[in-house]
């Protein structure tokens, strides 16, 4: 039976630490005897047989509600990869994405701690959409960057198709290299970057997108039209740059 490690509290989990220390010492001794294979096998078996693990669900939420640092760290580590993949395309740089991760995660934790019915929250179902909205709020909150107007003006009928990946004469966006797409997204002005991410990549409707960024539907449509044009130009520029940088 696996040992369940309850995060936080005053106990320092001496039993779990002692068990891991014993396994590490055994690994060290076997290694210096020239039996590395046996050491790796022994340590792996120990991890599998008596592995300590964190309890997710109600127990974790209860600890987070009490501001337990270890429980909060556990949740952060679990979702760090997901947060990074979202923040890097919503922000203009890796540095800004790191700030967005902290903002979005802290926003989620605060919301969870203030929720009187937190025990009923499904973290796996709510974390990503809540983080996306917090990330959009973070980008929009940088007013010195967000209210930058594009020189490209939207035009077209009210029934225009805003699907970035459909009917594009110049570039097949569905086959763009991921690094190129992220770099091209980062080069968009924030308002355009938000609507592309929210509507095209994350699948929110135009109405939902307008609600998230607190803008009119017409503003969202206009930004999306500009974003589609500028993103295409950014992709072309990135591919040209990559081609010129290739060694002869």
Protein backbone atom coordinates (compact mmCIF):
# COMPACT_ATOMS: atom_id res chain seq x y z
CA UNK A 1 0.00 0.00 0.00
CA UNK A 2 1.35 3.39 -0.97
CA UNK A 3 2.08 5.97 1.68
CA UNK A 4 -0.05 9.07 1.22
CA UNK A 5 1.84 12.25 1.95
CA UNK A 6 -0.38 15.01 3.29
CA UNK A 7 1.13 18.32 2.29
CA UNK A 8 2.02 20.94 4.89
CA UNK A 9 1.38 21.11 8.58
CA UNK A 10 4.00 21.07 11.33
CA UNK A 11 5.20 17.54 10.73
CA UNK A 12 8.30 17.30 8.61
CA UNK A 13 7.50 13.89 7.14
CA UNK A 14 10.51 12.30 8.84
CA UNK A 15 9.44 8.77 7.94
CA UNK A 16 9.18 9.49 4.22
CA UNK A 17 12.45 11.41 4.20
CA UNK A 18 14.22 8.69 6.15
CA UNK A 19 13.02 6.04 3.69
CA UNK A 20 14.27 8.02 0.70
CA UNK A 21 17.56 8.73 2.49
CA UNK A 22 18.04 4.99 3.11
CA UNK A 23 17.39 4.25 -0.56
CA UNK A 24 19.84 6.97 -1.67
CA UNK A 25 22.49 5.64 0.70
CA UNK A 26 21.99 2.11 -0.58
CA UNK A 27 22.31 3.39 -4.14
CA UNK A 28 25.54 5.18 -3.25
CA UNK A 29 27.05 2.12 -1.59
CA UNK A 30 26.20 -0.17 -4.48
CA UNK A 31 27.57 2.36 -6.97
CA UNK A 32 30.96 2.54 -5.28
CA UNK A 33 31.08 -1.27 -5.32
CA UNK A 34 30.88 -1.08 -9.10
CA UNK A 35 27.35 -2.39 -9.24
CA UNK A 36 25.57 0.56 -10.85
CA UNK A 37 22.94 -1.62 -12.48
CA UNK A 38 21.91 -3.11 -9.14
CA UNK A 39 21.79 0.36 -7.61
CA UNK A 40 19.49 1.74 -10.28
CA UNK A 41 17.24 -1.32 -10.02
CA UNK A 42 17.08 -1.13 -6.24
CA UNK A 43 16.24 2.58 -6.23
CA UNK A 44 13.60 2.19 -8.95
CA UNK A 45 11.93 -0.66 -7.07
CA UNK A 46 11.92 1.38 -3.88
CA UNK A 47 10.25 4.30 -5.67
CA UNK A 48 7.61 2.00 -7.13
CA UNK A 49 6.86 0.04 -3.95
CA UNK A 50 6.77 2.79 -1.33
CA UNK A 51 6.48 5.95 -3.39
CA UNK A 52 5.10 8.96 -1.53
CA UNK A 53 2.58 10.96 -3.49
CA UNK A 54 0.34 13.94 -3.02
CA UNK A 55 -3.39 13.69 -2.72
CA UNK A 56 -5.25 15.69 -5.34
CA UNK A 57 -8.84 16.72 -5.01
CA UNK A 58 -10.61 17.70 -1.81
CA UNK A 59 -7.57 17.14 0.42
CA UNK A 60 -5.39 19.38 -1.71
CA UNK A 61 -8.06 22.08 -1.98
CA UNK A 62 -8.51 22.05 1.79
CA UNK A 63 -4.79 22.63 2.27
CA UNK A 64 -4.66 25.37 -0.37
CA UNK A 65 -7.61 27.06 1.34
CA UNK A 66 -5.45 27.22 4.46
CA UNK A 67 -2.65 28.77 2.38
CA UNK A 68 -0.44 25.71 2.79
CA UNK A 69 2.73 26.55 0.85
CA UNK A 70 3.63 22.97 0.01
CA UNK A 71 0.16 22.27 -1.39
CA UNK A 72 0.29 25.44 -3.48
CA UNK A 73 3.72 24.47 -4.78
CA UNK A 74 2.39 21.02 -5.70
CA UNK A 75 -0.39 22.55 -7.79
CA UNK A 76 2.05 24.96 -9.42
CA UNK A 77 4.40 22.15 -10.43
CA UNK A 78 1.55 20.07 -11.79
CA UNK A 79 0.32 22.81 -14.13
CA UNK A 80 3.58 24.62 -14.88
CA UNK A 81 3.96 23.11 -18.37
CA UNK A 82 0.38 23.95 -19.31
CA UNK A 83 0.73 27.52 -18.02
CA UNK A 84 3.98 28.01 -19.93
CA UNK A 85 2.54 26.81 -23.24
CA UNK A 86 -0.36 29.26 -22.90
CA UNK A 87 1.54 32.27 -21.57
CA UNK A 88 4.26 32.15 -24.22
CA UNK A 89 1.76 32.75 -27.03
CA UNK A 90 -0.29 35.35 -25.15
CA UNK A 91 2.76 37.44 -24.26
CA UNK A 92 5.36 39.29 -26.29
CA UNK A 93 8.38 37.51 -24.78
CA UNK A 94 9.54 34.74 -22.48
CA UNK A 95 10.17 37.27 -19.71
CA UNK A 96 6.63 38.62 -19.92
CA UNK A 97 5.28 35.07 -20.08
CA UNK A 98 7.01 34.31 -16.77
CA UNK A 99 5.23 37.28 -15.19
CA UNK A 100 1.92 36.13 -16.68
CA UNK A 101 2.40 32.65 -15.20
CA UNK A 102 2.82 34.09 -11.71
CA UNK A 103 -0.13 36.45 -12.16
CA UNK A 104 -2.42 33.78 -13.58
CA UNK A 105 -1.51 31.17 -10.98
CA UNK A 106 -1.87 33.57 -8.06
CA UNK A 107 -5.22 34.72 -9.45
CA UNK A 108 -6.44 31.12 -9.53
CA UNK A 109 -5.22 30.42 -5.99
CA UNK A 110 -6.87 33.58 -4.65
CA UNK A 111 -10.13 32.69 -6.37
CA UNK A 112 -9.98 29.18 -4.92
CA UNK A 113 -9.27 30.45 -1.41
CA UNK A 114 -12.15 32.92 -1.56
CA UNK A 115 -14.63 30.34 -2.82
CA UNK A 116 -16.82 29.10 0.04
CA UNK A 117 -17.66 26.03 -2.04
CA UNK A 118 -14.04 25.33 -2.97
CA UNK A 119 -14.39 21.65 -2.05
CA UNK A 120 -16.74 21.25 -5.02
CA UNK A 121 -14.25 22.73 -7.51
CA UNK A 122 -12.85 20.42 -10.18
CA UNK A 123 -9.32 21.75 -10.57
CA UNK A 124 -8.60 19.79 -13.73
CA UNK A 125 -11.71 21.23 -15.40
CA UNK A 126 -11.36 24.82 -14.23
CA UNK A 127 -7.64 25.54 -14.15
CA UNK A 128 -6.95 26.02 -17.86
CA UNK A 129 -9.94 28.27 -18.75
CA UNK A 130 -9.41 30.34 -15.61
CA UNK A 131 -5.71 30.69 -16.36
CA UNK A 132 -6.41 31.74 -19.96
CA UNK A 133 -8.76 34.48 -18.76
CA UNK A 134 -6.23 35.64 -16.16
CA UNK A 135 -3.50 35.66 -18.79
CA UNK A 136 -5.65 37.80 -21.09
CA UNK A 137 -6.36 40.13 -18.17
CA UNK A 138 -2.65 40.42 -17.45
CA UNK A 139 -1.82 41.38 -21.05
CA UNK A 140 -4.70 43.85 -21.24
CA UNK A 141 -3.60 45.32 -17.92
CA UNK A 142 -0.33 46.56 -19.41
CA UNK A 143 -2.01 49.70 -20.70
CA UNK A 144 1.19 51.24 -22.06
CA UNK A 145 1.38 48.33 -24.53
CA UNK A 146 -2.23 47.29 -24.99
CA UNK A 147 -3.62 50.51 -26.39
CA UNK A 148 -1.33 50.53 -29.39
CA UNK A 149 -3.26 51.05 -32.61
CA UNK A 150 -2.45 49.14 -35.76
CA UNK A 151 -2.18 51.00 -39.07
CA UNK A 152 -4.10 48.20 -40.79
CA UNK A 153 -7.84 48.83 -40.92
CA UNK A 154 -10.48 46.13 -41.09
CA UNK A 155 -12.89 45.96 -43.97
CA UNK A 156 -15.41 43.55 -45.35
CA UNK A 157 -18.95 42.34 -44.90
CA UNK A 158 -20.63 41.45 -41.63
CA UNK A 159 -20.63 37.78 -42.68
CA UNK A 160 -16.88 37.61 -43.14
CA UNK A 161 -15.19 34.33 -42.20
CA UNK A 162 -12.71 34.94 -39.38
CA UNK A 163 -11.21 31.45 -39.38
CA UNK A 164 -7.46 31.98 -39.63
CA UNK A 165 -6.83 28.44 -40.81
CA UNK A 166 -9.36 28.41 -43.64
CA UNK A 167 -9.20 29.73 -47.21
CA UNK A 168 -5.86 31.50 -47.01
CA UNK A 169 -4.26 32.10 -50.39
CA UNK A 170 -0.73 32.73 -49.21
CA UNK A 171 0.13 30.50 -46.27
CA UNK A 172 -1.21 27.21 -44.96
CA UNK A 173 -1.40 28.20 -41.30
CA UNK A 174 -2.23 24.65 -40.29
CA UNK A 175 1.27 23.53 -41.28
CA UNK A 176 3.30 26.37 -39.78
CA UNK A 177 6.27 25.40 -37.64
CA UNK A 178 5.34 25.87 -33.97
CA UNK A 179 8.34 28.10 -33.16
CA UNK A 180 7.57 30.32 -36.14
CA UNK A 181 3.91 30.61 -35.13
CA UNK A 182 4.81 31.58 -31.54
CA UNK A 183 7.37 34.13 -32.69
CA UNK A 184 4.86 35.58 -35.15
CA UNK A 185 2.17 35.78 -32.49
CA UNK A 186 4.54 37.52 -30.09
CA UNK A 187 5.21 40.20 -32.69
CA UNK A 188 1.53 41.19 -32.89
CA UNK A 189 0.28 44.16 -30.89
CA UNK A 190 -1.39 42.91 -27.67
CA UNK A 191 -5.01 43.53 -28.71
CA UNK A 192 -4.55 41.49 -31.88
CA UNK A 193 -2.56 38.80 -30.09
CA UNK A 194 -5.38 38.32 -27.59
CA UNK A 195 -8.18 37.87 -30.11
CA UNK A 196 -6.14 35.46 -32.24
CA UNK A 197 -5.33 33.33 -29.20
CA UNK A 198 -8.78 33.42 -27.66
CA UNK A 199 -10.88 32.93 -30.79
CA UNK A 200 -8.70 31.02 -33.23
CA UNK A 201 -6.43 28.92 -31.01
CA UNK A 202 -8.40 28.45 -27.79
CA UNK A 203 -11.79 28.25 -29.50
CA UNK A 204 -13.80 30.94 -27.76
CA UNK A 205 -16.62 32.45 -29.80
CA UNK A 206 -16.37 36.09 -30.89
CA UNK A 207 -18.95 36.97 -28.24
CA UNK A 208 -17.02 35.13 -25.51
CA UNK A 209 -13.79 36.76 -26.64
CA UNK A 210 -15.41 40.19 -26.45
CA UNK A 211 -16.61 39.42 -22.93
CA UNK A 212 -13.19 38.22 -21.75
CA UNK A 213 -11.30 41.27 -22.98
CA UNK A 214 -14.20 43.61 -22.15
CA UNK A 215 -14.58 44.99 -25.66
CA UNK A 216 -17.41 45.38 -28.13
CA UNK A 217 -18.09 42.66 -30.68
CA UNK A 218 -17.22 45.05 -33.51
CA UNK A 219 -13.88 45.87 -31.87
CA UNK A 220 -13.06 42.17 -31.60
CA UNK A 221 -13.94 41.60 -35.27
CA UNK A 222 -11.84 44.57 -36.31
CA UNK A 223 -8.86 43.40 -34.23
CA UNK A 224 -9.19 39.89 -35.63
CA UNK A 225 -9.15 41.18 -39.20
CA UNK A 226 -5.99 43.17 -38.52
CA UNK A 227 -4.44 40.27 -36.63
CA UNK A 228 -5.01 37.83 -39.47
CA UNK A 229 -3.29 40.14 -41.94
CA UNK A 230 -0.38 41.02 -39.65
CA UNK A 231 0.18 37.45 -38.49
CA UNK A 232 0.50 36.35 -42.10
CA UNK A 233 3.10 39.05 -42.70
CA UNK A 234 4.96 38.07 -39.53
CA UNK A 235 5.07 34.43 -40.59
CA UNK A 236 6.42 35.38 -44.02
CA UNK A 237 9.07 37.57 -42.38
CA UNK A 238 10.08 34.81 -39.95
CA UNK A 239 10.49 32.25 -42.72
CA UNK A 240 12.55 34.69 -44.77
CA UNK A 241 14.76 35.41 -41.78
CA UNK A 242 15.25 31.70 -41.13
CA UNK A 243 16.14 31.13 -44.79
CA UNK A 244 18.72 33.91 -44.74
CA UNK A 245 20.22 32.59 -41.51
CA UNK A 246 20.81 29.10 -42.93
CA UNK A 247 24.53 28.33 -43.56
CA UNK A 248 25.64 28.13 -47.15
